Amino acid sequence: RIANLPNGTYEFEYSREGYGTVRQYGIQLFGNDSVSINPVVLYSIPSKLIMPKFTSCYWHNNNLLISTDYTVEASFWPVRLFFSRDENVSYDNYESTLATTADYINEIHVYDWAMTFPSSATVYVIGYVCNTLDLGYYDSYSGRRVYSTLVKDRHSNILSFKRQ
């Protein structure tokens, strides 16, 4: 509860060391109003900052497999994949996204139902270290979905594949 704020439009930023930062914009106060705002969840930033190089993409049993140069042993690494038909795909230039992890293997499995692209489309993919529980929030200031735990400088190379 924040008391005695004058009339105006406010921006709130929530953060904690080791966690992502979430912002809320356009909180307006008029007169002696009380305003309820949406709750915020802060997710921890992944402790493992490993982001392997992607080596290939291929289809197997109607699933996309993305091979990496890293074999995970007795641990996992969290990754958020971003997909686009634009070869400049990134966390702020994408058409669809999917959070996943790799367990004891050097491949990421993407199930066919997660692919929203038309058949035969050339699709580009990039991965970033990101807490897989972080569902993101809509940032009305930037006009896009933001993942607060995404580590922008820990990303894979870009690979392409043809949609089956």
Foldseek 3Di string as FASTA:
>chain_A
DDPDDDFDWDKDWDDDPQWFIDIDGGDGDDDRDDDDDDDDDIDGADPDLAAFAFDDWDDDPQKIKTFGPDFDDPDKFKKKKFKDLDQPTDPVDGDAIAIDMDDRGRITIGHNVRDPDDAFRKMKMKMFRADRVQPFDQDPVVRGTDRRNTDRVRMYHMDIDGHD
